[in-house]
Amino acid sequence: MSYLVAANWKMNKTVGETLEYLDLFLPSVKELTKVEIMIAPPFTALSSASIRLDAARKEGEYNVKLGAQNMFYEEKGAFTGEISPLMLSELEVDYVIIGHSERRHKFGEKDSLINKKVISAVEHGIRPILCVGETLEEREQGKTLSVVERQIRSGLSGVERDMIYIDIAYEPVWAIGTGVNATPEQAQEVHRFIRSLINEISKGNDSKTRILYGGSVNEKNARELIKEKNIDGFLVGTASLDPERFYRIITEVMEV
């Protein structure tokens, strides 16, 4: 199982800026096969990014996959502003981020909705990255593990046997975009708990499931975090917007 380093650009970069980024970034990661790389640009840039990545693969060996930042669970219908799994599949999207804390806390997405999205992604052959994590208040109240367990059990309901097609991202809400990341020990504690939990609910069918850490990951703290046994990669936000910084995070992971 290779490490996964994923870039979540959030609401950043136009189509032109996306293509400029890929032109700078792709040559630096050509033939890097030890680490799997995923880039999730905004929806408006998915088509152009897909075409550019396809062209790059024809020119050489690239282990760079395309991801989407969100997805609705229905294939089509009267859902204004939503993006369906069929639309993503046509663009050869490999991954989809589901349940990110910003979707949960800023847009009110509940566990039940997130679960429907996870099920739909698996059914359509798009690998979901299910995001879980506690707020600062929940951590201070000692609720970290109970919150994470609720989010995982609910998010994976109905797809427990499909765990090998799903990745998990632990993102403590208090560390996202704040510049304050969890210590390696804090992250490892939760990752170890998640591994035990998904192993239990999938009845051991989690051998290909990676548990990523997200929350102010950068080129300075990546090496210490990735050394922890149950951290299988990163979901990177701000630091991934700069191709050089993102590349340096990848190289830190490769050193392990």
Protein backbone atom coordinates (compact mmCIF):
# COMPACT_ATOMS: atom_id res chain seq x y z
CA MET A 1 0.00 0.00 0.00
CA SER A 2 1.64 3.23 -1.15
CA TYR A 3 1.34 6.52 0.66
CA LEU A 4 -1.20 9.00 -0.70
CA VAL A 5 -0.49 12.74 -0.73
CA ALA A 6 -3.61 14.63 -1.79
CA ALA A 7 -4.05 18.32 -2.60
CA ASN A 8 -7.34 20.01 -1.78
CA TRP A 9 -7.28 23.40 -3.44
CA LYS A 10 -10.70 24.39 -2.10
CA MET A 11 -12.09 27.55 -3.78
CA ASN A 12 -8.79 28.55 -5.36
CA LYS A 13 -7.35 28.71 -8.89
CA THR A 14 -9.01 29.47 -12.19
CA VAL A 15 -8.72 27.15 -15.19
CA GLY A 16 -5.70 29.10 -16.43
CA GLU A 17 -4.01 29.00 -13.05
CA THR A 18 -4.67 25.26 -12.79
CA LEU A 19 -2.99 24.55 -16.11
CA GLU A 20 -0.06 26.80 -15.22
CA TYR A 21 0.33 24.89 -11.94
CA LEU A 22 0.28 21.50 -13.68
CA ASP A 23 2.83 22.64 -16.24
CA LEU A 24 5.19 23.53 -13.39
CA PHE A 25 4.39 20.59 -11.13
CA LEU A 26 4.11 17.54 -13.40
CA PRO A 27 7.72 17.49 -14.67
CA SER A 28 8.97 17.36 -11.07
CA VAL A 29 6.98 14.23 -10.19
CA LYS A 30 7.48 12.24 -13.38
CA GLU A 31 8.27 8.59 -12.59
CA LEU A 32 7.73 9.05 -8.84
CA THR A 33 5.93 5.79 -8.14
CA LYS A 34 6.55 5.29 -4.43
CA VAL A 35 3.93 7.87 -3.50
CA GLU A 36 0.50 8.28 -5.07
CA ILE A 37 -0.43 11.90 -5.70
CA MET A 38 -3.93 13.33 -6.02
CA ILE A 39 -4.92 16.87 -6.97
CA ALA A 40 -8.46 18.16 -6.39
CA PRO A 41 -8.98 21.47 -8.21
CA PRO A 42 -12.30 23.35 -8.18
CA PHE A 43 -15.11 21.94 -10.34
CA THR A 44 -14.59 24.52 -13.08
CA ALA A 45 -11.05 23.24 -13.70
CA LEU A 46 -11.72 19.49 -13.57
CA SER A 47 -12.20 19.07 -17.31
CA SER A 48 -9.05 20.97 -18.26
CA ALA A 49 -7.04 19.22 -15.56
CA SER A 50 -8.29 15.83 -16.76
CA ILE A 51 -7.18 16.55 -20.32
CA ARG A 52 -3.78 17.79 -19.15
CA LEU A 53 -3.19 14.75 -16.92
CA ASP A 54 -4.23 12.39 -19.69
CA ALA A 55 -1.74 14.03 -22.04
CA ALA A 56 1.00 13.77 -19.40
CA ARG A 57 0.39 10.03 -18.94
CA LYS A 58 0.83 9.50 -22.67
CA GLU A 59 4.19 11.25 -22.47
CA GLY A 60 5.56 9.26 -19.53
CA GLU A 61 4.88 7.54 -16.22
CA TYR A 62 2.92 9.72 -13.82
CA ASN A 63 1.34 8.61 -10.57
CA VAL A 64 -0.89 11.70 -10.35
CA LYS A 65 -4.63 11.17 -9.98
CA LEU A 66 -7.51 13.59 -10.33
CA GLY A 67 -9.87 14.27 -7.46
CA ALA A 68 -13.08 16.21 -6.87
CA GLN A 69 -13.79 18.22 -3.74
CA ASN A 70 -17.38 17.09 -3.33
CA MET A 71 -20.17 15.14 -5.05
CA PHE A 72 -23.93 14.65 -4.82
CA TYR A 73 -25.25 11.12 -4.48
CA GLU A 74 -27.84 11.09 -7.28
CA GLU A 75 -26.87 10.50 -10.93
CA LYS A 76 -29.12 13.26 -12.30
CA GLY A 77 -32.20 15.30 -11.50
CA ALA A 78 -33.51 18.60 -10.18
CA PHE A 79 -30.58 19.36 -7.88
CA THR A 80 -29.50 22.85 -8.88
CA GLY A 81 -25.80 23.51 -8.40
CA GLU A 82 -24.85 19.90 -7.64
CA ILE A 83 -22.36 17.61 -9.41
CA SER A 84 -23.21 13.95 -10.03
CA PRO A 85 -20.96 10.87 -9.97
CA LEU A 86 -21.65 10.35 -13.69
CA MET A 87 -20.27 13.80 -14.44
CA LEU A 88 -17.12 13.02 -12.46
CA SER A 89 -16.70 9.61 -14.03
CA GLU A 90 -16.81 11.08 -17.52
CA LEU A 91 -13.88 13.31 -16.56
CA GLU A 92 -11.96 10.27 -15.29
CA VAL A 93 -11.99 11.52 -11.71
CA ASP A 94 -10.35 8.92 -9.47
CA TYR A 95 -11.06 10.35 -6.01
CA VAL A 96 -13.70 12.44 -4.30
CA ILE A 97 -13.38 14.21 -0.95
CA ILE A 98 -16.51 13.66 1.14
CA GLY A 99 -17.48 15.10 4.51
CA HIS A 100 -14.76 17.73 4.74
CA SER A 101 -15.19 19.78 7.91
CA GLU A 102 -15.99 22.87 5.87
CA ARG A 103 -18.88 20.98 4.25
CA ARG A 104 -20.04 19.80 7.66
CA HIS A 105 -19.71 23.06 9.61
CA LYS A 106 -20.14 25.79 6.99
CA PHE A 107 -22.71 24.11 4.77
CA GLY A 108 -24.52 22.00 7.32
CA GLU A 109 -23.90 18.55 5.85
CA LYS A 110 -25.06 15.84 8.23
CA ASP A 111 -23.72 12.33 8.73
CA SER A 112 -26.71 10.84 6.88
CA LEU A 113 -26.06 12.92 3.74
CA ILE A 114 -22.34 12.17 3.86
CA ASN A 115 -23.12 8.45 4.07
CA LYS A 116 -25.24 8.62 0.91
CA LYS A 117 -22.37 10.29 -0.91
CA VAL A 118 -19.87 7.65 0.22
CA ILE A 119 -22.18 4.85 -0.92
CA SER A 120 -22.74 6.51 -4.30
CA ALA A 121 -19.03 7.11 -4.86
CA VAL A 122 -18.19 3.47 -4.17
CA GLU A 123 -21.01 2.29 -6.45
CA HIS A 124 -19.67 4.45 -9.29
CA GLY A 125 -16.04 3.41 -8.92
CA ILE A 126 -14.82 6.73 -7.52
CA ARG A 127 -12.65 6.29 -4.42
CA PRO A 128 -14.02 8.42 -1.56
CA ILE A 129 -11.81 10.08 1.01
CA LEU A 130 -14.10 10.30 4.03
CA CYS A 131 -13.08 13.21 6.26
CA VAL A 132 -13.60 13.07 10.01
CA GLY A 133 -12.45 15.18 12.91
CA GLU A 134 -13.37 17.04 16.06
CA THR A 135 -13.74 20.73 16.85
CA LEU A 136 -11.58 22.44 19.47
CA GLU A 137 -14.50 22.43 21.91
CA GLU A 138 -15.03 18.70 21.42
CA ARG A 139 -11.33 18.00 21.98
CA GLU A 140 -11.27 20.09 25.15
CA GLN A 141 -14.29 18.13 26.40
CA GLY A 142 -12.51 14.83 25.77
CA LYS A 143 -14.90 13.83 22.99
CA THR A 144 -12.36 13.37 20.17
CA LEU A 145 -12.62 9.60 19.83
CA SER A 146 -16.39 9.46 20.30
CA VAL A 147 -16.93 12.12 17.62
CA VAL A 148 -14.60 10.37 15.19
CA GLU A 149 -16.25 7.02 15.87
CA ARG A 150 -19.73 8.44 15.23
CA GLN A 151 -18.63 10.05 11.97
CA ILE A 152 -16.93 6.87 10.75
CA ARG A 153 -19.67 4.43 11.72
CA SER A 154 -22.32 6.65 10.14
CA GLY A 155 -20.25 7.51 7.07
CA LEU A 156 -19.44 3.87 6.32
CA SER A 157 -22.87 2.44 7.04
CA GLY A 158 -23.79 0.06 4.22
CA VAL A 159 -20.30 -0.09 2.74
CA GLU A 160 -18.43 -1.84 5.54
CA ARG A 161 -17.44 -4.68 3.22
CA ASP A 162 -16.13 -2.18 0.66
CA MET A 163 -13.52 -0.71 2.97
CA ILE A 164 -10.66 -1.55 0.59
CA TYR A 165 -12.14 0.99 -1.85
CA ILE A 166 -12.28 3.82 0.71
CA ASP A 167 -9.72 6.09 2.39
CA ILE A 168 -10.15 8.09 5.59
CA ALA A 169 -8.77 11.55 6.36
CA TYR A 170 -8.47 12.63 9.97
CA GLU A 171 -8.68 16.42 10.06
CA PRO A 172 -8.98 18.01 13.49
CA VAL A 173 -11.14 21.04 12.76
CA TRP A 174 -9.09 23.22 15.10
CA ALA A 175 -5.99 22.60 12.95
CA ILE A 176 -7.42 23.28 9.48
CA GLY A 177 -6.07 26.49 8.00
CA THR A 178 -4.98 27.76 11.42
CA GLY A 179 -1.28 27.03 11.14
CA VAL A 180 -1.60 24.89 14.27
CA ASN A 181 -1.29 21.19 13.48
CA ALA A 182 -1.79 18.24 15.78
CA THR A 183 1.42 16.90 17.22
CA PRO A 184 2.61 13.59 15.77
CA GLU A 185 1.58 11.95 19.04
CA GLN A 186 -1.93 13.45 18.93
CA ALA A 187 -2.38 12.42 15.31
CA GLN A 188 -1.04 8.92 15.91
CA GLU A 189 -3.45 8.36 18.81
CA VAL A 190 -6.46 9.09 16.64
CA HIS A 191 -5.08 7.28 13.59
CA ARG A 192 -4.43 4.17 15.68
CA PHE A 193 -8.00 4.34 16.96
CA ILE A 194 -9.36 4.74 13.42
CA ARG A 195 -7.35 1.77 12.17
CA SER A 196 -8.69 -0.42 14.95
CA LEU A 197 -12.24 0.80 14.31
CA ILE A 198 -12.31 0.27 10.56
CA ASN A 199 -10.62 -3.09 10.97
CA GLU A 200 -13.43 -4.07 13.34
CA ILE A 201 -16.36 -2.84 11.27
CA SER A 202 -14.97 -4.18 7.98
CA LYS A 203 -14.04 -7.51 9.59
CA GLY A 204 -10.43 -7.09 8.57
CA ASN A 205 -11.17 -5.90 5.04
CA ASP A 206 -9.17 -2.67 5.40
CA SER A 207 -5.80 -3.72 3.98
CA LYS A 208 -5.92 -1.12 1.20
CA THR A 209 -7.48 1.67 3.23
CA ARG A 210 -5.18 4.60 3.95
CA ILE A 211 -5.67 6.94 6.87
CA LEU A 212 -4.50 10.42 5.92
CA TYR A 213 -3.75 13.32 8.22
CA GLY A 214 -4.96 16.80 7.30
CA GLY A 215 -4.70 20.05 9.21
CA SER A 216 -2.01 22.63 8.43
CA VAL A 217 0.30 20.04 6.86
CA ASN A 218 3.35 21.67 5.30
CA GLU A 219 6.87 20.89 4.16
CA LYS A 220 8.22 21.57 7.67
CA ASN A 221 6.09 19.15 9.67
CA ALA A 222 5.40 16.44 7.07
CA ARG A 223 8.42 14.29 7.89
CA GLU A 224 7.72 14.03 11.62
CA LEU A 225 4.05 13.25 11.01
CA ILE A 226 4.59 10.61 8.33
CA LYS A 227 6.99 8.70 10.59
CA GLU A 228 4.05 7.67 12.76
CA LYS A 229 2.98 4.10 12.09
CA ASN A 230 -0.69 4.68 11.28
CA ILE A 231 -0.34 7.84 9.18
CA ASP A 232 -0.53 6.74 5.54
CA GLY A 233 -0.33 10.11 3.83
CA PHE A 234 -1.74 13.62 3.87
CA LEU A 235 -4.67 15.71 2.72
CA VAL A 236 -3.00 19.07 2.14
CA GLY A 237 -4.78 22.41 1.88
CA THR A 238 -2.96 25.75 1.76
CA ALA A 239 0.52 24.32 1.25
CA SER A 240 -0.63 22.46 -1.87
CA LEU A 241 -1.47 25.70 -3.69
CA ASP A 242 2.22 26.27 -4.33
CA PRO A 243 3.62 23.53 -6.61
CA GLU A 244 7.10 23.77 -5.08
CA ARG A 245 5.81 23.46 -1.51
CA PHE A 246 3.56 20.55 -2.46
CA TYR A 247 6.47 18.81 -4.17
CA ARG A 248 8.60 19.23 -1.05
CA ILE A 249 5.89 17.59 1.08
CA ILE A 250 5.86 14.66 -1.34
CA THR A 251 9.63 14.31 -1.12
CA GLU A 252 9.44 14.28 2.69
CA VAL A 253 7.02 11.37 2.48
CA MET A 254 9.29 9.54 0.04
CA GLU A 255 12.16 9.71 2.52
CA VAL A 256 10.34 7.47 5.01
